[in-house]
Amino acid sequence: MSSEGKKLTGLKKAMAKQMIRSWTDVPQFQLSTTVRCDQLIAYRKGLTTKVSFTAIIAKAVAIALTEFPEINQRFVDGLVESVAEVNVGIASDTKRGLLVPVINQVDTKSLVDIQNDLNQIKEQSKTGKFSMEELTGGTFTISNLGMFNIETFSSIVNTPELGILAIGKIAKKPYVDENDQLIVASVLQPVLTLDHRVADGATGARFLTRLAEILENPNEQLPKE
C-alpha cells in the first residue's frame, strides 16, 4: 500500500526552513536549574489583577536580560547586533502550527501590559493570523509547555536570537531547604539553550542563576503589578 506525501507550503514550509537553519547552523548548549516557587505562587496570588506565570516569567527574563545584554543580542550574517530593548518571543501553538509572536519592550512593560499582550496572542492563535511585524524582531524566546503536564524539556534556539528558555509545569517535589531539611516544595526546572558561537557557558550560568534568584524572591525583585 502506498500513500501520497504532502508537501509543506506557505508558513509551515518557512517554519521548517527556520528550524533546519537553527539546528544545522547553530552550535547549541543547554543549562538547567531548579527554582523553588513557593514564594512565586504566593506572589501571584497576591496580585490584584490575574496574571499568568508566563507573564511573570517573561518579566523576570527581561529583568535578567537587561543585566546580561550579551545574551539579549542577535547574530545576523556573522555580525553580533546589540539591541537596546528586550523583545520576547512566545512560542505558540496556533491553528497554522508553531509560531513565535513577539512582545516588544517587555523590560519597560508592567505585568498587566504583558498579560494583555499574551491574551492577544492567545486570541490570534485561534486563527494563526499574525503579521510579519508581529513575528519578527525578537531578542529572546520563551517556550512554555507546562499546561501539557510537561515538567522539563529543551528547545531549539530561534536564530538569529541567541537564547530560548524552556518552561515546564511547577510541580511538588522533595526538596532540601537552606536548613538541610527534606521538605515538599513547588519547583520549576527551566532549561536555557544558547548559541555557543556568541554566548559562553559561564555567562549562561550566571544569567540562569540570576533568573532563578528573581523568581525565588519575587516580592523584592518583581513589580507589584
N, C-alpha and C. Protein backbone atom coordinates (compact mmCIF):
# COMPACT_ATOMS: atom_id res chain seq x y z
N MET A 1 0.85 -1.19 0.00
CA MET A 1 0.00 0.00 0.00
C MET A 1 0.89 1.25 0.00
N SER A 2 0.60 2.16 -0.87
CA SER A 2 1.37 3.40 -0.95
C SER A 2 0.48 4.58 -0.62
N SER A 3 1.07 5.61 -0.16
CA SER A 3 0.33 6.83 0.14
C SER A 3 1.09 8.01 -0.43
N GLU A 4 0.35 9.02 -0.81
CA GLU A 4 0.97 10.21 -1.38
C GLU A 4 1.44 11.14 -0.28
N GLY A 5 2.65 11.63 -0.44
CA GLY A 5 3.17 12.60 0.51
C GLY A 5 2.56 13.97 0.27
N LYS A 6 2.61 14.78 1.28
CA LYS A 6 2.08 16.13 1.19
C LYS A 6 3.19 17.12 1.46
N LYS A 7 3.42 18.00 0.51
CA LYS A 7 4.48 18.98 0.66
C LYS A 7 4.09 20.07 1.64
N LEU A 8 5.08 20.53 2.38
CA LEU A 8 4.86 21.69 3.23
C LEU A 8 4.80 22.94 2.36
N THR A 9 3.87 23.79 2.66
CA THR A 9 3.72 25.01 1.88
C THR A 9 3.57 26.21 2.82
N GLY A 10 3.74 27.37 2.26
CA GLY A 10 3.46 28.62 2.97
C GLY A 10 4.22 28.74 4.28
N LEU A 11 3.48 29.05 5.32
CA LEU A 11 4.07 29.33 6.62
C LEU A 11 4.75 28.11 7.22
N LYS A 12 4.15 26.93 7.06
CA LYS A 12 4.77 25.71 7.61
C LYS A 12 6.10 25.42 6.92
N LYS A 13 6.18 25.69 5.63
CA LYS A 13 7.44 25.49 4.91
C LYS A 13 8.50 26.47 5.41
N ALA A 14 8.08 27.71 5.64
CA ALA A 14 9.00 28.72 6.15
C ALA A 14 9.51 28.35 7.54
N MET A 15 8.59 27.84 8.40
CA MET A 15 8.99 27.44 9.75
C MET A 15 9.94 26.24 9.70
N ALA A 16 9.68 25.31 8.78
CA ALA A 16 10.56 24.15 8.64
C ALA A 16 11.97 24.59 8.26
N LYS A 17 12.07 25.52 7.33
CA LYS A 17 13.38 26.04 6.92
C LYS A 17 14.08 26.74 8.08
N GLN A 18 13.29 27.47 8.87
CA GLN A 18 13.86 28.16 10.02
C GLN A 18 14.40 27.17 11.05
N MET A 19 13.67 26.09 11.30
CA MET A 19 14.12 25.09 12.26
C MET A 19 15.37 24.37 11.77
N ILE A 20 15.41 24.07 10.47
CA ILE A 20 16.59 23.41 9.90
C ILE A 20 17.81 24.32 10.02
N ARG A 21 17.61 25.59 9.74
CA ARG A 21 18.72 26.56 9.84
C ARG A 21 19.21 26.67 11.27
N SER A 22 18.26 26.72 12.21
CA SER A 22 18.63 26.83 13.61
C SER A 22 19.39 25.59 14.08
N TRP A 23 18.95 24.42 13.63
CA TRP A 23 19.53 23.16 14.11
C TRP A 23 20.89 22.89 13.47
N THR A 24 21.04 23.19 12.18
CA THR A 24 22.27 22.85 11.47
C THR A 24 23.35 23.92 11.57
N ASP A 25 22.95 25.18 11.68
CA ASP A 25 23.93 26.27 11.66
C ASP A 25 24.36 26.75 13.04
N VAL A 26 23.58 26.41 14.07
CA VAL A 26 23.84 26.98 15.39
C VAL A 26 24.34 25.90 16.36
N PRO A 27 25.60 25.99 16.82
CA PRO A 27 26.06 25.09 17.89
C PRO A 27 25.40 25.50 19.20
N GLN A 28 24.61 24.60 19.76
CA GLN A 28 23.79 24.95 20.91
C GLN A 28 24.18 24.15 22.15
N PHE A 29 23.99 24.77 23.31
CA PHE A 29 24.20 24.04 24.56
C PHE A 29 23.09 24.41 25.54
N GLN A 30 22.85 23.50 26.48
CA GLN A 30 21.76 23.68 27.44
C GLN A 30 22.29 23.78 28.87
N LEU A 31 21.58 24.57 29.65
CA LEU A 31 21.83 24.69 31.08
C LEU A 31 20.49 24.58 31.79
N SER A 32 20.46 23.93 32.94
CA SER A 32 19.21 23.83 33.69
C SER A 32 19.46 24.08 35.17
N THR A 33 18.41 24.40 35.87
CA THR A 33 18.49 24.62 37.31
C THR A 33 17.14 24.27 37.93
N THR A 34 17.09 24.31 39.24
CA THR A 34 15.83 24.08 39.96
C THR A 34 15.46 25.35 40.70
N VAL A 35 14.24 25.82 40.50
CA VAL A 35 13.76 27.05 41.12
C VAL A 35 12.64 26.71 42.09
N ARG A 36 12.83 27.06 43.35
CA ARG A 36 11.76 26.87 44.33
C ARG A 36 10.72 27.98 44.13
N CYS A 37 9.46 27.60 43.98
CA CYS A 37 8.43 28.55 43.55
C CYS A 37 7.36 28.85 44.59
N ASP A 38 7.56 28.46 45.83
CA ASP A 38 6.53 28.71 46.85
C ASP A 38 6.24 30.20 47.00
N GLN A 39 7.28 31.02 47.05
CA GLN A 39 7.08 32.46 47.15
C GLN A 39 6.47 33.02 45.87
N LEU A 40 6.85 32.46 44.74
CA LEU A 40 6.31 32.92 43.46
C LEU A 40 4.81 32.67 43.38
N ILE A 41 4.37 31.52 43.85
CA ILE A 41 2.94 31.19 43.86
C ILE A 41 2.18 32.16 44.76
N ALA A 42 2.74 32.44 45.93
CA ALA A 42 2.10 33.39 46.86
C ALA A 42 2.08 34.80 46.27
N TYR A 43 3.17 35.17 45.62
CA TYR A 43 3.25 36.49 44.97
C TYR A 43 2.16 36.65 43.92
N ARG A 44 1.99 35.61 43.09
CA ARG A 44 0.97 35.67 42.04
C ARG A 44 -0.42 35.79 42.63
N LYS A 45 -0.68 35.03 43.69
CA LYS A 45 -2.00 35.10 44.34
C LYS A 45 -2.26 36.48 44.93
N GLY A 46 -1.21 37.18 45.32
CA GLY A 46 -1.36 38.49 45.95
C GLY A 46 -1.55 39.63 44.98
N LEU A 47 -1.38 39.39 43.68
CA LEU A 47 -1.57 40.44 42.69
C LEU A 47 -3.06 40.77 42.57
N THR A 48 -3.37 42.04 42.40
CA THR A 48 -4.78 42.45 42.30
C THR A 48 -5.39 42.08 40.96
N THR A 49 -4.55 41.94 39.93
CA THR A 49 -5.01 41.54 38.60
C THR A 49 -4.50 40.14 38.29
N LYS A 50 -5.35 39.32 37.69
CA LYS A 50 -4.95 37.95 37.36
C LYS A 50 -3.88 37.97 36.28
N VAL A 51 -2.75 37.39 36.61
CA VAL A 51 -1.60 37.36 35.70
C VAL A 51 -1.07 35.94 35.65
N SER A 52 -0.72 35.45 34.47
CA SER A 52 -0.23 34.09 34.31
C SER A 52 1.23 33.98 34.73
N PHE A 53 1.66 32.74 34.98
CA PHE A 53 3.07 32.52 35.27
C PHE A 53 3.93 32.88 34.06
N THR A 54 3.41 32.70 32.86
CA THR A 54 4.17 33.06 31.66
C THR A 54 4.49 34.54 31.65
N ALA A 55 3.51 35.36 32.02
CA ALA A 55 3.74 36.81 32.07
C ALA A 55 4.80 37.16 33.11
N ILE A 56 4.70 36.52 34.27
CA ILE A 56 5.66 36.79 35.35
C ILE A 56 7.06 36.35 34.94
N ILE A 57 7.16 35.17 34.34
CA ILE A 57 8.47 34.67 33.91
C ILE A 57 9.04 35.55 32.81
N ALA A 58 8.18 36.02 31.89
CA ALA A 58 8.65 36.92 30.83
C ALA A 58 9.24 38.19 31.42
N LYS A 59 8.59 38.73 32.45
CA LYS A 59 9.12 39.93 33.09
C LYS A 59 10.43 39.63 33.80
N ALA A 60 10.51 38.50 34.47
CA ALA A 60 11.75 38.11 35.15
C ALA A 60 12.88 37.93 34.14
N VAL A 61 12.58 37.31 33.01
CA VAL A 61 13.57 37.14 31.95
C VAL A 61 14.06 38.50 31.45
N ALA A 62 13.13 39.43 31.26
CA ALA A 62 13.50 40.76 30.78
C ALA A 62 14.42 41.48 31.76
N ILE A 63 14.11 41.36 33.05
CA ILE A 63 14.97 41.97 34.07
C ILE A 63 16.37 41.38 34.01
N ALA A 64 16.45 40.05 33.91
CA ALA A 64 17.76 39.39 33.85
C ALA A 64 18.51 39.76 32.57
N LEU A 65 17.79 39.88 31.46
CA LEU A 65 18.44 40.22 30.19
C LEU A 65 19.01 41.63 30.20
N THR A 66 18.36 42.55 30.90
CA THR A 66 18.92 43.91 30.98
C THR A 66 20.24 43.90 31.75
N GLU A 67 20.42 42.92 32.62
CA GLU A 67 21.67 42.79 33.37
C GLU A 67 22.71 41.97 32.61
N PHE A 68 22.25 41.22 31.60
CA PHE A 68 23.14 40.41 30.77
C PHE A 68 22.88 40.74 29.30
N PRO A 69 23.22 41.96 28.88
CA PRO A 69 22.93 42.37 27.50
C PRO A 69 23.65 41.53 26.45
N GLU A 70 24.70 40.82 26.85
CA GLU A 70 25.41 39.98 25.90
C GLU A 70 24.56 38.80 25.43
N ILE A 71 23.49 38.48 26.17
CA ILE A 71 22.56 37.44 25.73
C ILE A 71 21.41 38.05 24.94
N ASN A 72 21.08 39.29 25.25
CA ASN A 72 19.99 39.99 24.54
C ASN A 72 20.53 40.61 23.25
N GLN A 73 21.04 39.75 22.38
CA GLN A 73 21.61 40.19 21.10
C GLN A 73 21.11 39.28 19.98
N ARG A 74 21.44 39.66 18.76
CA ARG A 74 21.10 38.86 17.58
C ARG A 74 22.37 38.64 16.77
N PHE A 75 22.48 37.43 16.19
CA PHE A 75 23.66 37.09 15.38
C PHE A 75 23.21 36.95 13.94
N VAL A 76 23.51 37.97 13.13
CA VAL A 76 23.00 38.05 11.76
C VAL A 76 24.17 38.16 10.78
N ASP A 77 24.25 37.19 9.87
CA ASP A 77 25.28 37.22 8.82
C ASP A 77 26.68 37.42 9.39
N GLY A 78 26.96 36.73 10.47
CA GLY A 78 28.29 36.80 11.06
C GLY A 78 28.55 38.01 11.92
N LEU A 79 27.54 38.85 12.10
CA LEU A 79 27.69 40.06 12.91
C LEU A 79 26.80 39.99 14.14
N VAL A 80 27.33 40.40 15.28
CA VAL A 80 26.56 40.45 16.51
C VAL A 80 25.89 41.82 16.62
N GLU A 81 24.55 41.81 16.68
CA GLU A 81 23.78 43.04 16.76
C GLU A 81 23.30 43.26 18.19
N SER A 82 23.71 44.36 18.80
CA SER A 82 23.21 44.72 20.12
C SER A 82 21.84 45.36 19.98
N VAL A 83 20.94 45.04 20.91
CA VAL A 83 19.57 45.56 20.87
C VAL A 83 19.28 46.23 22.21
N ALA A 84 18.77 47.45 22.16
CA ALA A 84 18.55 48.22 23.39
C ALA A 84 17.39 47.67 24.20
N GLU A 85 16.30 47.28 23.51
CA GLU A 85 15.12 46.81 24.23
C GLU A 85 15.08 45.29 24.29
N VAL A 86 14.27 44.77 25.21
CA VAL A 86 14.09 43.33 25.34
C VAL A 86 12.76 42.96 24.68
N ASN A 87 12.84 42.23 23.57
CA ASN A 87 11.65 41.80 22.83
C ASN A 87 11.55 40.28 22.93
N VAL A 88 10.54 39.82 23.66
CA VAL A 88 10.44 38.40 23.99
C VAL A 88 9.45 37.68 23.07
N GLY A 89 9.94 36.67 22.36
CA GLY A 89 9.06 35.83 21.55
C GLY A 89 8.39 34.78 22.43
N ILE A 90 7.14 34.50 22.13
CA ILE A 90 6.37 33.50 22.87
C ILE A 90 6.02 32.36 21.91
N ALA A 91 6.70 31.23 22.05
CA ALA A 91 6.40 30.08 21.19
C ALA A 91 4.95 29.67 21.41
N SER A 92 4.17 29.65 20.33
CA SER A 92 2.71 29.48 20.45
C SER A 92 2.19 28.39 19.52
N ASP A 93 1.29 27.59 20.06
CA ASP A 93 0.61 26.55 19.29
C ASP A 93 -0.61 27.19 18.64
N THR A 94 -0.54 27.44 17.35
CA THR A 94 -1.62 28.14 16.65
C THR A 94 -2.29 27.21 15.64
N LYS A 95 -3.37 27.69 15.06
CA LYS A 95 -4.09 26.91 14.05
C LYS A 95 -3.21 26.64 12.84
N ARG A 96 -2.20 27.47 12.63
CA ARG A 96 -1.30 27.30 11.48
C ARG A 96 0.02 26.66 11.90
N GLY A 97 0.05 26.09 13.10
CA GLY A 97 1.27 25.44 13.57
C GLY A 97 2.05 26.33 14.52
N LEU A 98 3.30 25.95 14.78
CA LEU A 98 4.15 26.69 15.70
C LEU A 98 4.50 28.05 15.12
N LEU A 99 4.19 29.09 15.89
CA LEU A 99 4.59 30.46 15.54
C LEU A 99 5.17 31.11 16.80
N VAL A 100 5.97 32.15 16.58
CA VAL A 100 6.60 32.84 17.72
C VAL A 100 6.32 34.34 17.64
N PRO A 101 5.10 34.75 18.00
CA PRO A 101 4.82 36.18 18.06
C PRO A 101 5.65 36.85 19.14
N VAL A 102 5.96 38.12 18.93
CA VAL A 102 6.90 38.84 19.80
C VAL A 102 6.18 39.90 20.62
N ILE A 103 6.49 39.94 21.90
CA ILE A 103 6.05 41.04 22.77
C ILE A 103 7.22 42.01 22.88
N ASN A 104 7.04 43.21 22.38
CA ASN A 104 8.12 44.18 22.35
C ASN A 104 8.28 44.91 23.67
N GLN A 105 9.50 45.27 23.97
CA GLN A 105 9.85 46.11 25.12
C GLN A 105 9.28 45.57 26.44
N VAL A 106 9.47 44.29 26.65
CA VAL A 106 9.00 43.67 27.89
C VAL A 106 9.70 44.28 29.10
N ASP A 107 10.91 44.75 28.91
CA ASP A 107 11.67 45.34 30.02
C ASP A 107 11.01 46.59 30.58
N THR A 108 10.20 47.30 29.78
CA THR A 108 9.57 48.53 30.25
C THR A 108 8.08 48.36 30.55
N LYS A 109 7.53 47.17 30.30
CA LYS A 109 6.09 46.97 30.47
C LYS A 109 5.75 46.44 31.86
N SER A 110 4.53 46.77 32.29
CA SER A 110 4.02 46.23 33.55
C SER A 110 3.56 44.79 33.33
N LEU A 111 3.33 44.07 34.41
CA LEU A 111 2.81 42.71 34.30
C LEU A 111 1.45 42.69 33.62
N VAL A 112 0.63 43.68 33.92
CA VAL A 112 -0.71 43.75 33.32
C VAL A 112 -0.59 43.95 31.81
N ASP A 113 0.32 44.80 31.37
CA ASP A 113 0.51 45.03 29.94
C ASP A 113 1.02 43.77 29.25
N ILE A 114 1.94 43.08 29.90
CA ILE A 114 2.45 41.83 29.33
C ILE A 114 1.34 40.80 29.22
N GLN A 115 0.50 40.70 30.26
CA GLN A 115 -0.61 39.76 30.23
C GLN A 115 -1.60 40.11 29.13
N ASN A 116 -1.85 41.40 28.93
CA ASN A 116 -2.75 41.82 27.84
C ASN A 116 -2.19 41.39 26.49
N ASP A 117 -0.88 41.51 26.32
CA ASP A 117 -0.25 41.07 25.07
C ASP A 117 -0.37 39.55 24.92
N LEU A 118 -0.19 38.82 26.01
CA LEU A 118 -0.34 37.36 25.95
C LEU A 118 -1.77 36.96 25.61
N ASN A 119 -2.73 37.69 26.16
CA ASN A 119 -4.14 37.41 25.84
C ASN A 119 -4.41 37.64 24.36
N GLN A 120 -3.81 38.68 23.80
CA GLN A 120 -3.98 38.97 22.38
C GLN A 120 -3.35 37.87 21.53
N ILE A 121 -2.18 37.40 21.94
CA ILE A 121 -1.53 36.31 21.23
C ILE A 121 -2.39 35.05 21.26
N LYS A 122 -2.96 34.75 22.43
CA LYS A 122 -3.83 33.58 22.56
C LYS A 122 -5.03 33.68 21.64
N GLU A 123 -5.61 34.86 21.54
CA GLU A 123 -6.78 35.06 20.68
C GLU A 123 -6.40 34.89 19.21
N GLN A 124 -5.29 35.50 18.81
CA GLN A 124 -4.86 35.40 17.41
C GLN A 124 -4.41 33.98 17.06
N SER A 125 -3.96 33.22 18.06
CA SER A 125 -3.51 31.85 17.81
C SER A 125 -4.65 30.95 17.34
N LYS A 126 -5.88 31.33 17.67
CA LYS A 126 -7.04 30.53 17.25
C LYS A 126 -7.17 30.49 15.73
N THR A 127 -6.73 31.56 15.08
CA THR A 127 -6.76 31.62 13.61
C THR A 127 -5.37 31.49 13.01
N GLY A 128 -4.35 31.78 13.81
CA GLY A 128 -2.99 31.74 13.29
C GLY A 128 -2.63 32.94 12.45
N LYS A 129 -3.45 33.96 12.51
CA LYS A 129 -3.22 35.15 11.68
C LYS A 129 -2.38 36.18 12.45
N PHE A 130 -1.12 36.24 12.07
CA PHE A 130 -0.19 37.22 12.62
C PHE A 130 0.51 37.92 11.47
N SER A 131 0.77 39.20 11.64
CA SER A 131 1.52 39.92 10.62
C SER A 131 3.00 39.58 10.74
N MET A 132 3.76 39.82 9.68
CA MET A 132 5.20 39.56 9.72
C MET A 132 5.86 40.42 10.80
N GLU A 133 5.35 41.62 10.99
CA GLU A 133 5.89 42.50 12.01
C GLU A 133 5.72 41.90 13.41
N GLU A 134 4.60 41.20 13.62
CA GLU A 134 4.34 40.59 14.92
C GLU A 134 5.20 39.36 15.17
N LEU A 135 5.81 38.82 14.11
CA LEU A 135 6.58 37.59 14.22
C LEU A 135 8.09 37.82 14.12
N THR A 136 8.52 39.07 14.03
CA THR A 136 9.94 39.35 13.86
C THR A 136 10.42 40.36 14.91
N GLY A 137 11.73 40.45 15.03
CA GLY A 137 12.32 41.43 15.93
C GLY A 137 12.59 40.94 17.33
N GLY A 138 12.35 39.65 17.59
CA GLY A 138 12.58 39.13 18.93
C GLY A 138 14.06 39.09 19.28
N THR A 139 14.36 39.19 20.57
CA THR A 139 15.75 39.08 21.05
C THR A 139 15.94 37.86 21.95
N PHE A 140 14.84 37.20 22.31
CA PHE A 140 14.89 36.02 23.19
C PHE A 140 13.52 35.37 23.12
N THR A 141 13.47 34.05 23.30
CA THR A 141 12.19 33.34 23.21
C THR A 141 11.93 32.52 24.47
N ILE A 142 10.64 32.43 24.82
CA ILE A 142 10.19 31.56 25.90
C ILE A 142 9.23 30.52 25.32
N SER A 143 9.46 29.26 25.66
CA SER A 143 8.55 28.18 25.27
C SER A 143 8.02 27.53 26.54
N ASN A 144 6.71 27.58 26.74
CA ASN A 144 6.08 27.05 27.96
C ASN A 144 5.16 25.89 27.60
N LEU A 145 5.50 24.70 28.07
CA LEU A 145 4.67 23.52 27.86
C LEU A 145 4.09 22.99 29.17
N GLY A 146 4.12 23.82 30.19
CA GLY A 146 3.60 23.41 31.48
C GLY A 146 2.14 23.02 31.46
N MET A 147 1.37 23.68 30.59
CA MET A 147 -0.06 23.38 30.52
C MET A 147 -0.35 21.99 29.96
N PHE A 148 0.69 21.35 29.37
CA PHE A 148 0.55 19.99 28.85
C PHE A 148 1.09 18.95 29.83
N ASN A 149 1.31 19.34 31.07
CA ASN A 149 1.79 18.45 32.13
C ASN A 149 3.24 18.02 31.91
N ILE A 150 3.99 18.83 31.15
CA ILE A 150 5.41 18.57 30.92
C ILE A 150 6.22 19.27 32.01
N GLU A 151 7.17 18.54 32.60
CA GLU A 151 7.97 19.12 33.68
C GLU A 151 9.26 19.74 33.18
N THR A 152 9.92 19.09 32.23
CA THR A 152 11.18 19.63 31.73
C THR A 152 11.42 19.19 30.29
N PHE A 153 12.01 20.09 29.51
CA PHE A 153 12.33 19.80 28.11
C PHE A 153 13.32 20.86 27.66
N SER A 154 13.89 20.68 26.49
CA SER A 154 14.78 21.70 25.92
C SER A 154 14.24 22.13 24.57
N SER A 155 14.58 23.34 24.17
CA SER A 155 14.10 23.91 22.92
C SER A 155 15.27 24.28 22.01
N ILE A 156 14.96 24.49 20.74
CA ILE A 156 15.96 24.89 19.75
C ILE A 156 16.00 26.41 19.68
N VAL A 157 17.20 26.97 19.68
CA VAL A 157 17.36 28.42 19.57
C VAL A 157 16.66 28.93 18.32
N ASN A 158 15.94 30.03 18.48
CA ASN A 158 15.22 30.65 17.37
C ASN A 158 16.13 31.69 16.73
N THR A 159 17.10 31.21 15.93
CA THR A 159 18.06 32.10 15.30
C THR A 159 17.35 33.18 14.47
N PRO A 160 17.82 34.41 14.46
CA PRO A 160 19.13 34.93 14.90
C PRO A 160 19.22 35.30 16.38
N GLU A 161 18.19 34.95 17.17
CA GLU A 161 18.30 35.18 18.61
C GLU A 161 19.38 34.26 19.18
N LEU A 162 19.85 34.59 20.37
CA LEU A 162 20.90 33.79 20.99
C LEU A 162 20.38 32.79 22.00
N GLY A 163 19.16 33.00 22.51
CA GLY A 163 18.70 32.12 23.58
C GLY A 163 17.22 31.85 23.59
N ILE A 164 16.87 30.72 24.19
CA ILE A 164 15.47 30.34 24.38
C ILE A 164 15.36 29.64 25.74
N LEU A 165 14.29 29.92 26.46
CA LEU A 165 14.06 29.32 27.77
C LEU A 165 12.87 28.39 27.69
N ALA A 166 13.08 27.12 28.06
CA ALA A 166 12.01 26.13 28.06
C ALA A 166 11.45 26.00 29.48
N ILE A 167 10.14 26.19 29.59
CA ILE A 167 9.47 26.19 30.89
C ILE A 167 8.44 25.06 30.94
N GLY A 168 8.55 24.21 31.94
CA GLY A 168 7.55 23.18 32.17
C GLY A 168 6.61 23.59 33.30
N LYS A 169 5.91 22.63 33.86
CA LYS A 169 4.96 22.96 34.92
C LYS A 169 5.67 23.08 36.26
N ILE A 170 5.07 23.83 37.15
CA ILE A 170 5.53 23.88 38.54
C ILE A 170 4.97 22.65 39.24
N ALA A 171 5.87 21.83 39.79
CA ALA A 171 5.45 20.56 40.39
C ALA A 171 5.96 20.44 41.82
N LYS A 172 5.22 19.71 42.64
CA LYS A 172 5.66 19.45 44.01
C LYS A 172 6.68 18.32 44.00
N LYS A 173 7.83 18.60 44.65
CA LYS A 173 8.94 17.65 44.64
C LYS A 173 9.61 17.62 46.02
N PRO A 174 10.27 16.51 46.35
CA PRO A 174 11.13 16.52 47.53
C PRO A 174 12.25 17.54 47.32
N TYR A 175 12.54 18.31 48.34
CA TYR A 175 13.48 19.42 48.20
C TYR A 175 14.23 19.62 49.51
N VAL A 176 15.54 19.77 49.44
CA VAL A 176 16.35 20.03 50.63
C VAL A 176 16.48 21.54 50.79
N ASP A 177 15.93 22.08 51.88
CA ASP A 177 15.92 23.53 52.05
C ASP A 177 17.24 24.05 52.62
N GLU A 178 17.27 25.37 52.92
CA GLU A 178 18.50 26.00 53.38
C GLU A 178 18.97 25.49 54.75
N ASN A 179 18.08 24.81 55.46
CA ASN A 179 18.44 24.22 56.76
C ASN A 179 18.75 22.73 56.66
N ASP A 180 18.95 22.27 55.43
CA ASP A 180 19.23 20.86 55.16
C ASP A 180 18.09 19.94 55.58
N GLN A 181 16.88 20.48 55.58
CA GLN A 181 15.69 19.69 55.90
C GLN A 181 15.01 19.24 54.61
N LEU A 182 14.62 17.98 54.57
CA LEU A 182 13.91 17.47 53.40
C LEU A 182 12.44 17.85 53.51
N ILE A 183 11.96 18.62 52.55
CA ILE A 183 10.58 19.09 52.54
C ILE A 183 9.96 18.81 51.19
N VAL A 184 8.67 19.06 51.08
CA VAL A 184 7.99 19.04 49.78
C VAL A 184 7.80 20.49 49.35
N ALA A 185 8.34 20.84 48.19
CA ALA A 185 8.28 22.21 47.71
C ALA A 185 7.76 22.24 46.28
N SER A 186 7.23 23.37 45.89
CA SER A 186 6.82 23.59 44.50
C SER A 186 8.03 24.08 43.72
N VAL A 187 8.42 23.34 42.70
CA VAL A 187 9.65 23.68 41.98
C VAL A 187 9.40 23.74 40.47
N LEU A 188 10.24 24.54 39.83
CA LEU A 188 10.25 24.70 38.38
C LEU A 188 11.65 24.32 37.91
N GLN A 189 11.73 23.64 36.76
CA GLN A 189 13.03 23.23 36.23
C GLN A 189 13.23 23.80 34.83
N PRO A 190 13.57 25.08 34.74
CA PRO A 190 13.76 25.70 33.43
C PRO A 190 15.04 25.22 32.76
N VAL A 191 15.01 25.17 31.44
CA VAL A 191 16.19 24.78 30.65
C VAL A 191 16.50 25.91 29.68
N LEU A 192 17.71 26.43 29.77
CA LEU A 192 18.16 27.51 28.90
C LEU A 192 19.03 26.95 27.78
N THR A 193 18.70 27.28 26.54
CA THR A 193 19.52 26.90 25.40
C THR A 193 20.12 28.16 24.78
N LEU A 194 21.43 28.13 24.51
CA LEU A 194 22.11 29.31 23.99
C LEU A 194 22.93 28.96 22.75
N ASP A 195 23.17 29.97 21.93
CA ASP A 195 24.02 29.88 20.75
C ASP A 195 25.47 30.01 21.22
N HIS A 196 26.23 28.91 21.09
CA HIS A 196 27.59 28.88 21.63
C HIS A 196 28.57 29.69 20.78
N ARG A 197 28.15 30.15 19.61
CA ARG A 197 29.04 30.99 18.81
C ARG A 197 29.26 32.34 19.47
N VAL A 198 28.27 32.78 20.24
CA VAL A 198 28.34 34.11 20.85
C VAL A 198 28.34 34.01 22.37
N ALA A 199 27.49 33.15 22.92
CA ALA A 199 27.34 33.04 24.38
C ALA A 199 28.19 31.88 24.90
N ASP A 200 28.82 32.08 26.06
CA ASP A 200 29.61 31.01 26.67
C ASP A 200 28.90 30.44 27.89
N GLY A 201 29.40 29.32 28.37
CA GLY A 201 28.74 28.62 29.46
C GLY A 201 28.67 29.41 30.75
N ALA A 202 29.75 30.13 31.08
CA ALA A 202 29.77 30.89 32.33
C ALA A 202 28.74 32.01 32.31
N THR A 203 28.64 32.70 31.18
CA THR A 203 27.64 33.77 31.06
C THR A 203 26.24 33.20 31.17
N GLY A 204 26.00 32.09 30.50
CA GLY A 204 24.69 31.45 30.58
C GLY A 204 24.35 31.01 31.99
N ALA A 205 25.34 30.47 32.69
CA ALA A 205 25.12 30.02 34.07
C ALA A 205 24.79 31.19 34.98
N ARG A 206 25.51 32.30 34.82
CA ARG A 206 25.23 33.48 35.65
C ARG A 206 23.84 34.04 35.35
N PHE A 207 23.47 34.05 34.07
CA PHE A 207 22.15 34.54 33.69
C PHE A 207 21.05 33.67 34.30
N LEU A 208 21.18 32.36 34.18
CA LEU A 208 20.15 31.45 34.69
C LEU A 208 20.08 31.52 36.22
N THR A 209 21.23 31.67 36.86
CA THR A 209 21.25 31.81 38.32
C THR A 209 20.54 33.09 38.75
N ARG A 210 20.78 34.17 38.01
CA ARG A 210 20.11 35.43 38.31
C ARG A 210 18.60 35.32 38.09
N LEU A 211 18.19 34.65 37.03
CA LEU A 211 16.77 34.45 36.77
C LEU A 211 16.12 33.68 37.91
N ALA A 212 16.78 32.63 38.36
CA ALA A 212 16.26 31.85 39.48
C ALA A 212 16.13 32.71 40.73
N GLU A 213 17.11 33.58 40.97
CA GLU A 213 17.06 34.47 42.13
C GLU A 213 15.84 35.39 42.07
N ILE A 214 15.56 35.91 40.89
CA ILE A 214 14.40 36.80 40.72
C ILE A 214 13.10 36.04 41.01
N LEU A 215 12.98 34.83 40.46
CA LEU A 215 11.76 34.05 40.63
C LEU A 215 11.58 33.55 42.06
N GLU A 216 12.67 33.30 42.75
CA GLU A 216 12.57 32.81 44.13
C GLU A 216 12.34 33.94 45.14
N ASN A 217 12.58 35.17 44.71
CA ASN A 217 12.39 36.33 45.59
C ASN A 217 11.54 37.39 44.88
N PRO A 218 10.32 37.04 44.48
CA PRO A 218 9.52 37.93 43.65
C PRO A 218 9.11 39.23 44.34
N ASN A 219 8.88 39.19 45.63
CA ASN A 219 8.44 40.40 46.32
C ASN A 219 9.51 41.49 46.32
N GLU A 220 10.77 41.08 46.30
CA GLU A 220 11.86 42.05 46.25
C GLU A 220 12.30 42.37 44.83
N GLN A 221 12.11 41.42 43.90
CA GLN A 221 12.71 41.54 42.57
C GLN A 221 11.73 41.91 41.46
N LEU A 222 10.44 41.66 41.65
CA LEU A 222 9.46 41.88 40.60
C LEU A 222 8.50 43.00 40.96
N PRO A 223 7.90 43.65 39.95
CA PRO A 223 6.93 44.72 40.22
C PRO A 223 5.66 44.18 40.87
N LYS A 224 4.91 45.06 41.49
CA LYS A 224 3.68 44.65 42.17
C LYS A 224 2.53 44.44 41.19
N GLU A 225 2.62 45.03 40.03
CA GLU A 225 1.58 44.85 39.00
C GLU A 225 2.23 44.83 37.62
